Amino acid sequence: MPGIIARIKEFSRSPQGQRTIATARRTAADPRKREQARQLLGRLRGRR
């Protein structure tokens, strides 16, 4: 599906996309948020 990939690339280059990426990077750097994400992924993987 090249259309979806192209849309994601376009969004990531936009000012709003850059803000979203910066926010995600700051959140990923926070140890508490990283642990919350790890737990959430573990729960989602456990459902299969």
N, C-alpha and C. Protein backbone atom coordinates (compact mmCIF):
# COMPACT_ATOMS: atom_id res chain seq x y z
N MET A 1 0.83 -1.19 0.00
CA MET A 1 0.00 0.00 0.00
C MET A 1 0.87 1.25 0.00
N PRO A 2 1.38 1.62 -1.13
CA PRO A 2 2.25 2.79 -1.17
C PRO A 2 1.54 4.08 -0.81
N GLY A 3 0.24 4.14 -0.95
CA GLY A 3 -0.49 5.36 -0.61
C GLY A 3 -0.40 5.70 0.86
N ILE A 4 -0.47 4.70 1.71
CA ILE A 4 -0.39 4.93 3.16
C ILE A 4 1.00 5.39 3.54
N ILE A 5 2.03 4.75 2.98
CA ILE A 5 3.41 5.11 3.28
C ILE A 5 3.67 6.55 2.84
N ALA A 6 3.19 6.91 1.67
CA ALA A 6 3.39 8.27 1.17
C ALA A 6 2.71 9.29 2.08
N ARG A 7 1.53 8.96 2.58
CA ARG A 7 0.82 9.88 3.48
C ARG A 7 1.57 10.05 4.79
N ILE A 8 2.12 8.95 5.30
CA ILE A 8 2.89 9.02 6.55
C ILE A 8 4.13 9.88 6.35
N LYS A 9 4.83 9.69 5.24
CA LYS A 9 6.02 10.50 4.94
C LYS A 9 5.65 11.98 4.84
N GLU A 10 4.57 12.25 4.16
CA GLU A 10 4.12 13.63 3.98
C GLU A 10 3.79 14.27 5.34
N PHE A 11 3.08 13.52 6.19
CA PHE A 11 2.73 14.03 7.51
C PHE A 11 3.99 14.28 8.34
N SER A 12 4.96 13.35 8.28
CA SER A 12 6.15 13.49 9.11
C SER A 12 6.99 14.70 8.71
N ARG A 13 6.83 15.17 7.49
CA ARG A 13 7.58 16.35 7.03
C ARG A 13 6.84 17.66 7.31
N SER A 14 5.57 17.57 7.68
CA SER A 14 4.80 18.78 7.94
C SER A 14 5.13 19.33 9.33
N PRO A 15 4.81 20.61 9.58
CA PRO A 15 5.07 21.17 10.92
C PRO A 15 4.35 20.40 12.03
N GLN A 16 3.12 19.99 11.80
CA GLN A 16 2.38 19.23 12.81
C GLN A 16 3.06 17.88 13.04
N GLY A 17 3.52 17.25 11.98
CA GLY A 17 4.23 15.98 12.10
C GLY A 17 5.52 16.13 12.89
N GLN A 18 6.24 17.23 12.65
CA GLN A 18 7.48 17.48 13.39
C GLN A 18 7.19 17.67 14.88
N ARG A 19 6.11 18.36 15.20
CA ARG A 19 5.73 18.53 16.62
C ARG A 19 5.38 17.19 17.24
N THR A 20 4.64 16.37 16.51
CA THR A 20 4.25 15.05 17.01
C THR A 20 5.48 14.18 17.25
N ILE A 21 6.42 14.21 16.33
CA ILE A 21 7.65 13.42 16.47
C ILE A 21 8.45 13.90 17.68
N ALA A 22 8.56 15.21 17.86
CA ALA A 22 9.30 15.75 19.01
C ALA A 22 8.65 15.33 20.32
N THR A 23 7.32 15.39 20.38
CA THR A 23 6.60 14.97 21.58
C THR A 23 6.84 13.48 21.86
N ALA A 24 6.79 12.68 20.83
CA ALA A 24 7.00 11.23 21.00
C ALA A 24 8.42 10.94 21.49
N ARG A 25 9.38 11.68 20.97
CA ARG A 25 10.77 11.47 21.42
C ARG A 25 10.94 11.85 22.88
N ARG A 26 10.33 12.97 23.29
CA ARG A 26 10.42 13.38 24.70
C ARG A 26 9.75 12.35 25.59
N THR A 27 8.61 11.86 25.18
CA THR A 27 7.88 10.86 25.95
C THR A 27 8.68 9.57 26.05
N ALA A 28 9.30 9.16 24.96
CA ALA A 28 10.09 7.91 24.96
C ALA A 28 11.32 8.02 25.85
N ALA A 29 11.80 9.23 26.07
CA ALA A 29 12.99 9.41 26.90
C ALA A 29 12.65 9.33 28.39
N ASP A 30 11.39 9.45 28.75
CA ASP A 30 10.96 9.42 30.15
C ASP A 30 10.87 7.96 30.61
N PRO A 31 11.66 7.59 31.63
CA PRO A 31 11.65 6.19 32.08
C PRO A 31 10.27 5.68 32.52
N ARG A 32 9.48 6.53 33.17
CA ARG A 32 8.14 6.08 33.61
C ARG A 32 7.25 5.79 32.42
N LYS A 33 7.26 6.67 31.44
CA LYS A 33 6.43 6.46 30.24
C LYS A 33 6.91 5.24 29.46
N ARG A 34 8.22 5.03 29.43
CA ARG A 34 8.76 3.88 28.73
C ARG A 34 8.27 2.59 29.38
N GLU A 35 8.25 2.56 30.70
CA GLU A 35 7.77 1.38 31.42
C GLU A 35 6.27 1.16 31.17
N GLN A 36 5.50 2.26 31.15
CA GLN A 36 4.06 2.14 30.87
C GLN A 36 3.84 1.55 29.48
N ALA A 37 4.62 2.01 28.50
CA ALA A 37 4.48 1.50 27.14
C ALA A 37 4.85 0.03 27.08
N ARG A 38 5.90 -0.36 27.79
CA ARG A 38 6.33 -1.76 27.81
C ARG A 38 5.23 -2.65 28.40
N GLN A 39 4.61 -2.18 29.48
CA GLN A 39 3.54 -2.95 30.10
C GLN A 39 2.33 -3.07 29.17
N LEU A 40 1.98 -1.98 28.51
CA LEU A 40 0.85 -2.01 27.59
C LEU A 40 1.11 -2.99 26.45
N LEU A 41 2.30 -2.93 25.87
CA LEU A 41 2.63 -3.86 24.78
C LEU A 41 2.61 -5.30 25.27
N GLY A 42 3.07 -5.52 26.47
CA GLY A 42 3.05 -6.87 27.04
C GLY A 42 1.63 -7.39 27.18
N ARG A 43 0.73 -6.52 27.63
CA ARG A 43 -0.67 -6.93 27.76
C ARG A 43 -1.29 -7.21 26.41
N LEU A 44 -0.99 -6.37 25.42
CA LEU A 44 -1.56 -6.58 24.10
C LEU A 44 -1.03 -7.87 23.46
N ARG A 45 0.23 -8.16 23.66
CA ARG A 45 0.82 -9.38 23.11
C ARG A 45 0.26 -10.61 23.84
N GLY A 46 -0.08 -10.47 25.11
CA GLY A 46 -0.57 -11.59 25.88
C GLY A 46 -1.97 -12.04 25.49
N ARG A 47 -2.68 -11.22 24.77
CA ARG A 47 -4.06 -11.56 24.38
C ARG A 47 -4.12 -12.56 23.24
N ARG A 48 -3.03 -12.73 22.53
CA ARG A 48 -3.06 -13.63 21.36
C ARG A 48 -3.00 -15.06 21.76
